[in-house]
Amino acid sequence: MEIKYIYNQTPLGWVWQLVIDGYEFFYPCGDLKALKKFVKSELEVLLDKKESDSNHGLAFHACGYNSQAQQEFISYWEKQGLTVF
């Protein structure tokens, strides 16, 4: 598995983004240190999203249909310097 971090200009400004095996994720994006931490702790969520045909966000892949858990997931990573959806 090849994991790369790229610095791109997006509608959110200049942010670090993730590429796994050629698949470019828009989310998560933000601070490089936080992005690396996210990859280390949430790799299974990222791989699930990468292989999914659905248009669900990362929070859904991490928390399922529990909207409160999704919001807590998003808020936690926002405090770390990442935008996740």
PDB file of N, CA and C in Angstrom:
ATOM      1  N   MET A   1       0.852  -1.177   0.000  1.00  0.00           N
ATOM      2  CA  MET A   1       0.000   0.000   0.000  1.00  0.00           C
ATOM      3  C   MET A   1       0.895   1.235   0.000  1.00  0.00           C
ATOM      4  N   GLU A   2       0.610   2.141  -0.917  1.00  0.00           N
ATOM      5  CA  GLU A   2       1.372   3.382  -1.001  1.00  0.00           C
ATOM      6  C   GLU A   2       0.529   4.528  -0.439  1.00  0.00           C
ATOM      7  N   ILE A   3       1.082   5.216   0.552  1.00  0.00           N
ATOM      8  CA  ILE A   3       0.415   6.367   1.169  1.00  0.00           C
ATOM      9  C   ILE A   3       1.267   7.596   0.904  1.00  0.00           C
ATOM     10  N   LYS A   4       0.632   8.622   0.309  1.00  0.00           N
ATOM     11  CA  LYS A   4       1.324   9.885   0.037  1.00  0.00           C
ATOM     12  C   LYS A   4       0.498  11.033   0.601  1.00  0.00           C
ATOM     13  N   TYR A   5       1.206  12.100   0.929  1.00  0.00           N
ATOM     14  CA  TYR A   5       0.570  13.325   1.404  1.00  0.00           C
ATOM     15  C   TYR A   5       0.893  14.416   0.406  1.00  0.00           C
ATOM     16  N   ILE A   6      -0.152  15.120  -0.049  1.00  0.00           N
ATOM     17  CA  ILE A   6       0.036  16.167  -1.049  1.00  0.00           C
ATOM     18  C   ILE A   6      -0.515  17.486  -0.514  1.00  0.00           C
ATOM     19  N   TYR A   7       0.128  18.574  -0.906  1.00  0.00           N
ATOM     20  CA  TYR A   7      -0.284  19.914  -0.482  1.00  0.00           C
ATOM     21  C   TYR A   7      -0.988  20.563  -1.662  1.00  0.00           C
ATOM     22  N   ASN A   8      -2.283  20.823  -1.508  1.00  0.00           N
ATOM     23  CA  ASN A   8      -3.110  21.324  -2.612  1.00  0.00           C
ATOM     24  C   ASN A   8      -3.876  22.570  -2.223  1.00  0.00           C
ATOM     25  N   GLN A   9      -4.172  23.371  -3.231  1.00  0.00           N
ATOM     26  CA  GLN A   9      -5.097  24.484  -3.044  1.00  0.00           C
ATOM     27  C   GLN A   9      -6.502  23.960  -3.319  1.00  0.00           C
ATOM     28  N   THR A  10      -7.391  24.141  -2.353  1.00  0.00           N
ATOM     29  CA  THR A  10      -8.770  23.660  -2.445  1.00  0.00           C
ATOM     30  C   THR A  10      -9.703  24.825  -2.133  1.00  0.00           C
ATOM     31  N   PRO A  11     -11.022  24.623  -2.227  1.00  0.00           N
ATOM     32  CA  PRO A  11     -11.958  25.664  -1.794  1.00  0.00           C
ATOM     33  C   PRO A  11     -11.790  26.030  -0.310  1.00  0.00           C
ATOM     34  N   LEU A  12     -11.125  25.159   0.458  1.00  0.00           N
ATOM     35  CA  LEU A  12     -10.861  25.422   1.874  1.00  0.00           C
ATOM     36  C   LEU A  12      -9.526  26.128   2.093  1.00  0.00           C
ATOM     37  N   GLY A  13      -8.800  26.410   0.996  1.00  0.00           N
ATOM     38  CA  GLY A  13      -7.468  27.014   1.083  1.00  0.00           C
ATOM     39  C   GLY A  13      -6.405  25.958   0.820  1.00  0.00           C
ATOM     40  N   TRP A  14      -5.165  26.288   1.140  1.00  0.00           N
ATOM     41  CA  TRP A  14      -4.065  25.347   0.977  1.00  0.00           C
ATOM     42  C   TRP A  14      -4.090  24.367   2.136  1.00  0.00           C
ATOM     43  N   VAL A  15      -4.211  23.077   1.815  1.00  0.00           N
ATOM     44  CA  VAL A  15      -4.319  22.034   2.845  1.00  0.00           C
ATOM     45  C   VAL A  15      -3.547  20.787   2.409  1.00  0.00           C
ATOM     46  N   TRP A  16      -3.198  19.996   3.399  1.00  0.00           N
ATOM     47  CA  TRP A  16      -2.612  18.687   3.139  1.00  0.00           C
ATOM     48  C   TRP A  16      -3.734  17.689   2.910  1.00  0.00           C
ATOM     49  N   GLN A  17      -3.538  16.850   1.899  1.00  0.00           N
ATOM     50  CA  GLN A  17      -4.514  15.813   1.579  1.00  0.00           C
ATOM     51  C   GLN A  17      -3.803  14.475   1.443  1.00  0.00           C
ATOM     52  N   LEU A  18      -4.589  13.436   1.312  1.00  0.00           N
ATOM     53  CA  LEU A  18      -4.101  12.077   1.350  1.00  0.00           C
ATOM     54  C   LEU A  18      -4.340  11.353   0.024  1.00  0.00           C
ATOM     55  N   VAL A  19      -3.360  10.541  -0.369  1.00  0.00           N
ATOM     56  CA  VAL A  19      -3.500   9.666  -1.534  1.00  0.00           C
ATOM     57  C   VAL A  19      -3.089   8.264  -1.087  1.00  0.00           C
ATOM     58  N   ILE A  20      -3.986   7.297  -1.272  1.00  0.00           N
ATOM     59  CA  ILE A  20      -3.680   5.893  -0.972  1.00  0.00           C
ATOM     60  C   ILE A  20      -3.833   5.098  -2.266  1.00  0.00           C
ATOM     61  N   ASP A  21      -2.738   4.521  -2.686  1.00  0.00           N
ATOM     62  CA  ASP A  21      -2.727   3.707  -3.915  1.00  0.00           C
ATOM     63  C   ASP A  21      -3.359   4.434  -5.098  1.00  0.00           C
ATOM     64  N   GLY A  22      -3.051   5.721  -5.237  1.00  0.00           N
ATOM     65  CA  GLY A  22      -3.551   6.510  -6.353  1.00  0.00           C
ATOM     66  C   GLY A  22      -4.929   7.115  -6.152  1.00  0.00           C
ATOM     67  N   TYR A  23      -5.628   6.730  -5.077  1.00  0.00           N
ATOM     68  CA  TYR A  23      -6.959   7.275  -4.790  1.00  0.00           C
ATOM     69  C   TYR A  23      -6.780   8.548  -3.974  1.00  0.00           C
ATOM     70  N   GLU A  24      -7.194   9.688  -4.527  1.00  0.00           N
ATOM     71  CA  GLU A  24      -7.061  10.973  -3.838  1.00  0.00           C
ATOM     72  C   GLU A  24      -8.314  11.261  -3.025  1.00  0.00           C
ATOM     73  N   PHE A  25      -8.126  11.405  -1.737  1.00  0.00           N
ATOM     74  CA  PHE A  25      -9.214  11.767  -0.835  1.00  0.00           C
ATOM     75  C   PHE A  25      -9.308  13.285  -0.763  1.00  0.00           C
ATOM     76  N   PHE A  26     -10.529  13.836  -0.811  1.00  0.00           N
ATOM     77  CA  PHE A  26     -10.671  15.260  -0.506  1.00  0.00           C
ATOM     78  C   PHE A  26     -10.636  15.439   1.007  1.00  0.00           C
ATOM     79  N   TYR A  27     -11.406  14.594   1.709  1.00  0.00           N
ATOM     80  CA  TYR A  27     -11.382  14.571   3.175  1.00  0.00           C
ATOM     81  C   TYR A  27     -10.693  13.299   3.612  1.00  0.00           C
ATOM     82  N   PRO A  28      -9.910  13.315   4.623  1.00  0.00           N
ATOM     83  CA  PRO A  28      -9.580  14.405   5.528  1.00  0.00           C
ATOM     84  C   PRO A  28      -8.576  15.356   4.877  1.00  0.00           C
ATOM     85  N   CYS A  29      -8.590  16.593   5.336  1.00  0.00           N
ATOM     86  CA  CYS A  29      -7.606  17.559   4.866  1.00  0.00           C
ATOM     87  C   CYS A  29      -7.324  18.558   5.977  1.00  0.00           C
ATOM     88  N   GLY A  30      -6.140  19.143   5.929  1.00  0.00           N
ATOM     89  CA  GLY A  30      -5.755  20.120   6.939  1.00  0.00           C
ATOM     90  C   GLY A  30      -4.282  20.027   7.270  1.00  0.00           C
ATOM     91  N   ASP A  31      -3.983  20.032   8.554  1.00  0.00           N
ATOM     92  CA  ASP A  31      -2.630  20.017   9.093  1.00  0.00           C
ATOM     93  C   ASP A  31      -1.950  18.669   8.820  1.00  0.00           C
ATOM     94  N   LEU A  32      -0.686  18.695   8.391  1.00  0.00           N
ATOM     95  CA  LEU A  32       0.027  17.462   8.035  1.00  0.00           C
ATOM     96  C   LEU A  32       0.196  16.534   9.238  1.00  0.00           C
ATOM     97  N   LYS A  33       0.579  17.066  10.381  1.00  0.00           N
ATOM     98  CA  LYS A  33       0.772  16.231  11.567  1.00  0.00           C
ATOM     99  C   LYS A  33      -0.540  15.539  11.956  1.00  0.00           C
ATOM    100  N   ALA A  34      -1.640  16.282  11.913  1.00  0.00           N
ATOM    101  CA  ALA A  34      -2.952  15.709  12.242  1.00  0.00           C
ATOM    102  C   ALA A  34      -3.378  14.684  11.198  1.00  0.00           C
ATOM    103  N   LEU A  35      -3.069  14.943   9.936  1.00  0.00           N
ATOM    104  CA  LEU A  35      -3.425  14.007   8.871  1.00  0.00           C
ATOM    105  C   LEU A  35      -2.695  12.675   9.060  1.00  0.00           C
ATOM    106  N   LYS A  36      -1.422  12.736   9.409  1.00  0.00           N
ATOM    107  CA  LYS A  36      -0.659  11.508   9.657  1.00  0.00           C
ATOM    108  C   LYS A  36      -1.223  10.754  10.863  1.00  0.00           C
ATOM    109  N   LYS A  37      -1.625  11.490  11.892  1.00  0.00           N
ATOM    110  CA  LYS A  37      -2.237  10.869  13.074  1.00  0.00           C
ATOM    111  C   LYS A  37      -3.553  10.191  12.684  1.00  0.00           C
ATOM    112  N   PHE A  38      -4.346  10.857  11.849  1.00  0.00           N
ATOM    113  CA  PHE A  38      -5.616  10.295  11.391  1.00  0.00           C
ATOM    114  C   PHE A  38      -5.372   8.995  10.631  1.00  0.00           C
ATOM    115  N   VAL A  39      -4.406   8.999   9.728  1.00  0.00           N
ATOM    116  CA  VAL A  39      -4.108   7.800   8.936  1.00  0.00           C
ATOM    117  C   VAL A  39      -3.701   6.659   9.864  1.00  0.00           C
ATOM    118  N   LYS A  40      -2.891   6.960  10.853  1.00  0.00           N
ATOM    119  CA  LYS A  40      -2.431   5.928  11.782  1.00  0.00           C
ATOM    120  C   LYS A  40      -3.584   5.331  12.582  1.00  0.00           C
ATOM    121  N   SER A  41      -4.507   6.171  13.026  1.00  0.00           N
ATOM    122  CA  SER A  41      -5.584   5.674  13.895  1.00  0.00           C
ATOM    123  C   SER A  41      -6.852   5.270  13.152  1.00  0.00           C
ATOM    124  N   GLU A  42      -7.043   5.739  11.930  1.00  0.00           N
ATOM    125  CA  GLU A  42      -8.303   5.493  11.210  1.00  0.00           C
ATOM    126  C   GLU A  42      -8.072   4.865   9.833  1.00  0.00           C
ATOM    127  N   LEU A  43      -7.010   4.120   9.667  1.00  0.00           N
ATOM    128  CA  LEU A  43      -6.699   3.536   8.359  1.00  0.00           C
ATOM    129  C   LEU A  43      -7.828   2.649   7.846  1.00  0.00           C
ATOM    130  N   GLU A  44      -8.431   1.856   8.716  1.00  0.00           N
ATOM    131  CA  GLU A  44      -9.527   0.976   8.278  1.00  0.00           C
ATOM    132  C   GLU A  44     -10.716   1.784   7.752  1.00  0.00           C
ATOM    133  N   VAL A  45     -11.007   2.913   8.379  1.00  0.00           N
ATOM    134  CA  VAL A  45     -12.093   3.790   7.917  1.00  0.00           C
ATOM    135  C   VAL A  45     -11.760   4.323   6.523  1.00  0.00           C
ATOM    136  N   LEU A  46     -10.513   4.737   6.333  1.00  0.00           N
ATOM    137  CA  LEU A  46     -10.093   5.254   5.032  1.00  0.00           C
ATOM    138  C   LEU A  46     -10.184   4.173   3.947  1.00  0.00           C
ATOM    139  N   LEU A  47      -9.744   2.974   4.269  1.00  0.00           N
ATOM    140  CA  LEU A  47      -9.803   1.894   3.292  1.00  0.00           C
ATOM    141  C   LEU A  47     -11.248   1.517   2.976  1.00  0.00           C
ATOM    142  N   ASP A  48     -12.112   1.549   3.990  1.00  0.00           N
ATOM    143  CA  ASP A  48     -13.538   1.283   3.775  1.00  0.00           C
ATOM    144  C   ASP A  48     -14.126   2.327   2.831  1.00  0.00           C
ATOM    145  N   LYS A  49     -13.812   3.594   3.062  1.00  0.00           N
ATOM    146  CA  LYS A  49     -14.301   4.681   2.197  1.00  0.00           C
ATOM    147  C   LYS A  49     -13.761   4.510   0.774  1.00  0.00           C
ATOM    148  N   LYS A  50     -12.485   4.174   0.660  1.00  0.00           N
ATOM    149  CA  LYS A  50     -11.855   4.012  -0.651  1.00  0.00           C
ATOM    150  C   LYS A  50     -12.538   2.917  -1.468  1.00  0.00           C
ATOM    151  N   GLU A  51     -12.934   1.847  -0.820  1.00  0.00           N
ATOM    152  CA  GLU A  51     -13.537   0.707  -1.523  1.00  0.00           C
ATOM    153  C   GLU A  51     -15.053   0.833  -1.697  1.00  0.00           C
ATOM    154  N   SER A  52     -15.659   1.825  -1.074  1.00  0.00           N
ATOM    155  CA  SER A  52     -17.114   1.980  -1.090  1.00  0.00           C
ATOM    156  C   SER A  52     -17.600   2.662  -2.378  1.00  0.00           C
ATOM    157  N   ASP A  53     -18.753   2.235  -2.831  1.00  0.00           N
ATOM    158  CA  ASP A  53     -19.407   2.888  -3.967  1.00  0.00           C
ATOM    159  C   ASP A  53     -20.391   3.961  -3.498  1.00  0.00           C
ATOM    160  N   SER A  54     -20.603   4.051  -2.197  1.00  0.00           N
ATOM    161  CA  SER A  54     -21.554   5.028  -1.662  1.00  0.00           C
ATOM    162  C   SER A  54     -20.913   6.412  -1.585  1.00  0.00           C
ATOM    163  N   ASN A  55     -21.727   7.404  -1.391  1.00  0.00           N
ATOM    164  CA  ASN A  55     -21.256   8.777  -1.271  1.00  0.00           C
ATOM    165  C   ASN A  55     -21.250   9.222   0.193  1.00  0.00           C
ATOM    166  N   HIS A  56     -21.157   8.273   1.109  1.00  0.00           N
ATOM    167  CA  HIS A  56     -21.129   8.621   2.536  1.00  0.00           C
ATOM    168  C   HIS A  56     -19.766   9.190   2.902  1.00  0.00           C
ATOM    169  N   GLY A  57     -19.772  10.070   3.901  1.00  0.00           N
ATOM    170  CA  GLY A  57     -18.533  10.666   4.372  1.00  0.00           C
ATOM    171  C   GLY A  57     -17.777   9.752   5.321  1.00  0.00           C
ATOM    172  N   LEU A  58     -16.597  10.201   5.707  1.00  0.00           N
ATOM    173  CA  LEU A  58     -15.764   9.426   6.613  1.00  0.00           C
ATOM    174  C   LEU A  58     -16.435   9.200   7.958  1.00  0.00           C
ATOM    175  N   ALA A  59     -17.156  10.200   8.454  1.00  0.00           N
ATOM    176  CA  ALA A  59     -17.825  10.061   9.749  1.00  0.00           C
ATOM    177  C   ALA A  59     -18.852   8.929   9.702  1.00  0.00           C
ATOM    178  N   PHE A  60     -19.530   8.771   8.587  1.00  0.00           N
ATOM    179  CA  PHE A  60     -20.475   7.661   8.448  1.00  0.00           C
ATOM    180  C   PHE A  60     -19.726   6.328   8.473  1.00  0.00           C
ATOM    181  N   HIS A  61     -18.619   6.260   7.754  1.00  0.00           N
ATOM    182  CA  HIS A  61     -17.854   5.015   7.723  1.00  0.00           C
ATOM    183  C   HIS A  61     -17.288   4.683   9.101  1.00  0.00           C
ATOM    184  N   ALA A  62     -17.008   5.693   9.903  1.00  0.00           N
ATOM    185  CA  ALA A  62     -16.472   5.474  11.252  1.00  0.00           C
ATOM    186  C   ALA A  62     -17.568   5.162  12.268  1.00  0.00           C
ATOM    187  N   CYS A  63     -18.748   5.769  12.104  1.00  0.00           N
ATOM    188  CA  CYS A  63     -19.769   5.729  13.163  1.00  0.00           C
ATOM    189  C   CYS A  63     -21.108   5.149  12.737  1.00  0.00           C
ATOM    190  N   GLY A  64     -21.283   4.842  11.468  1.00  0.00           N
ATOM    191  CA  GLY A  64     -22.568   4.334  11.014  1.00  0.00           C
ATOM    192  C   GLY A  64     -23.629   5.425  11.048  1.00  0.00           C
ATOM    193  N   TYR A  65     -24.856   5.035  11.346  1.00  0.00           N
ATOM    194  CA  TYR A  65     -25.992   5.967  11.299  1.00  0.00           C
ATOM    195  C   TYR A  65     -26.148   6.817  12.561  1.00  0.00           C
ATOM    196  N   ASN A  66     -25.258   6.686  13.525  1.00  0.00           N
ATOM    197  CA  ASN A  66     -25.336   7.434  14.780  1.00  0.00           C
ATOM    198  C   ASN A  66     -24.862   8.866  14.540  1.00  0.00           C
ATOM    199  N   SER A  67     -25.806   9.781  14.356  1.00  0.00           N
ATOM    200  CA  SER A  67     -25.459  11.163  13.996  1.00  0.00           C
ATOM    201  C   SER A  67     -24.703  11.880  15.115  1.00  0.00           C
ATOM    202  N   GLN A  68     -25.015  11.581  16.362  1.00  0.00           N
ATOM    203  CA  GLN A  68     -24.291  12.216  17.470  1.00  0.00           C
ATOM    204  C   GLN A  68     -22.824  11.760  17.464  1.00  0.00           C
ATOM    205  N   ALA A  69     -22.601  10.474  17.261  1.00  0.00           N
ATOM    206  CA  ALA A  69     -21.233   9.951  17.192  1.00  0.00           C
ATOM    207  C   ALA A  69     -20.498  10.536  15.989  1.00  0.00           C
ATOM    208  N   GLN A  70     -21.192  10.703  14.875  1.00  0.00           N
ATOM    209  CA  GLN A  70     -20.576  11.313  13.700  1.00  0.00           C
ATOM    210  C   GLN A  70     -20.111  12.727  14.014  1.00  0.00           C
ATOM    211  N   GLN A  71     -20.966  13.504  14.682  1.00  0.00           N
ATOM    212  CA  GLN A  71     -20.611  14.885  15.004  1.00  0.00           C
ATOM    213  C   GLN A  71     -19.443  14.947  15.982  1.00  0.00           C
ATOM    214  N   GLU A  72     -19.417  14.037  16.945  1.00  0.00           N
ATOM    215  CA  GLU A  72     -18.294  13.979  17.887  1.00  0.00           C
ATOM    216  C   GLU A  72     -17.000  13.610  17.170  1.00  0.00           C
ATOM    217  N   PHE A  73     -17.068  12.693  16.228  1.00  0.00           N
ATOM    218  CA  PHE A  73     -15.918  12.299  15.418  1.00  0.00           C
ATOM    219  C   PHE A  73     -15.390  13.511  14.642  1.00  0.00           C
ATOM    220  N   ILE A  74     -16.289  14.218  13.977  1.00  0.00           N
ATOM    221  CA  ILE A  74     -15.923  15.406  13.197  1.00  0.00           C
ATOM    222  C   ILE A  74     -15.317  16.470  14.101  1.00  0.00           C
ATOM    223  N   SER A  75     -15.934  16.724  15.246  1.00  0.00           N
ATOM    224  CA  SER A  75     -15.450  17.747  16.181  1.00  0.00           C
ATOM    225  C   SER A  75     -14.081  17.391  16.751  1.00  0.00           C
ATOM    226  N   TYR A  76     -13.889  16.126  17.096  1.00  0.00           N
ATOM    227  CA  TYR A  76     -12.595  15.701  17.632  1.00  0.00           C
ATOM    228  C   TYR A  76     -11.480  15.994  16.635  1.00  0.00           C
ATOM    229  N   TRP A  77     -11.685  15.595  15.386  1.00  0.00           N
ATOM    230  CA  TRP A  77     -10.636  15.798  14.388  1.00  0.00           C
ATOM    231  C   TRP A  77     -10.468  17.261  14.015  1.00  0.00           C
ATOM    232  N   GLU A  78     -11.546  18.025  14.105  1.00  0.00           N
ATOM    233  CA  GLU A  78     -11.433  19.471  13.858  1.00  0.00           C
ATOM    234  C   GLU A  78     -10.510  20.103  14.889  1.00  0.00           C
ATOM    235  N   LYS A  79     -10.623  19.683  16.135  1.00  0.00           N
ATOM    236  CA  LYS A  79      -9.748  20.200  17.206  1.00  0.00           C
ATOM    237  C   LYS A  79      -8.302  19.790  16.972  1.00  0.00           C
ATOM    238  N   GLN A  80      -8.077  18.708  16.247  1.00  0.00           N
ATOM    239  CA  GLN A  80      -6.721  18.247  15.932  1.00  0.00           C
ATOM    240  C   GLN A  80      -6.131  18.984  14.724  1.00  0.00           C
ATOM    241  N   GLY A  81      -6.973  19.705  13.986  1.00  0.00           N
ATOM    242  CA  GLY A  81      -6.498  20.461  12.824  1.00  0.00           C
ATOM    243  C   GLY A  81      -6.896  19.884  11.481  1.00  0.00           C
ATOM    244  N   LEU A  82      -7.917  18.988  11.508  1.00  0.00           N
ATOM    245  CA  LEU A  82      -8.376  18.365  10.263  1.00  0.00           C
ATOM    246  C   LEU A  82      -9.841  18.653  10.003  1.00  0.00           C
ATOM    247  N   THR A  83     -10.170  18.722   8.737  1.00  0.00           N
ATOM    248  CA  THR A  83     -11.558  18.755   8.326  1.00  0.00           C
ATOM    249  C   THR A  83     -11.907  17.359   7.819  1.00  0.00           C
ATOM    250  N   VAL A  84     -12.904  16.753   8.438  1.00  0.00           N
ATOM    251  CA  VAL A  84     -13.413  15.467   7.975  1.00  0.00           C
ATOM    252  C   VAL A  84     -14.910  15.629   7.774  1.00  0.00           C
ATOM    253  N   PHE A  85     -15.469  14.800   6.961  1.00  0.00           N
ATOM    254  CA  PHE A  85     -16.909  14.876   6.675  1.00  0.00           C
ATOM    255  C   PHE A  85     -17.496  13.508   6.847  1.00  0.00           C
TER     256      PHE A  85
END
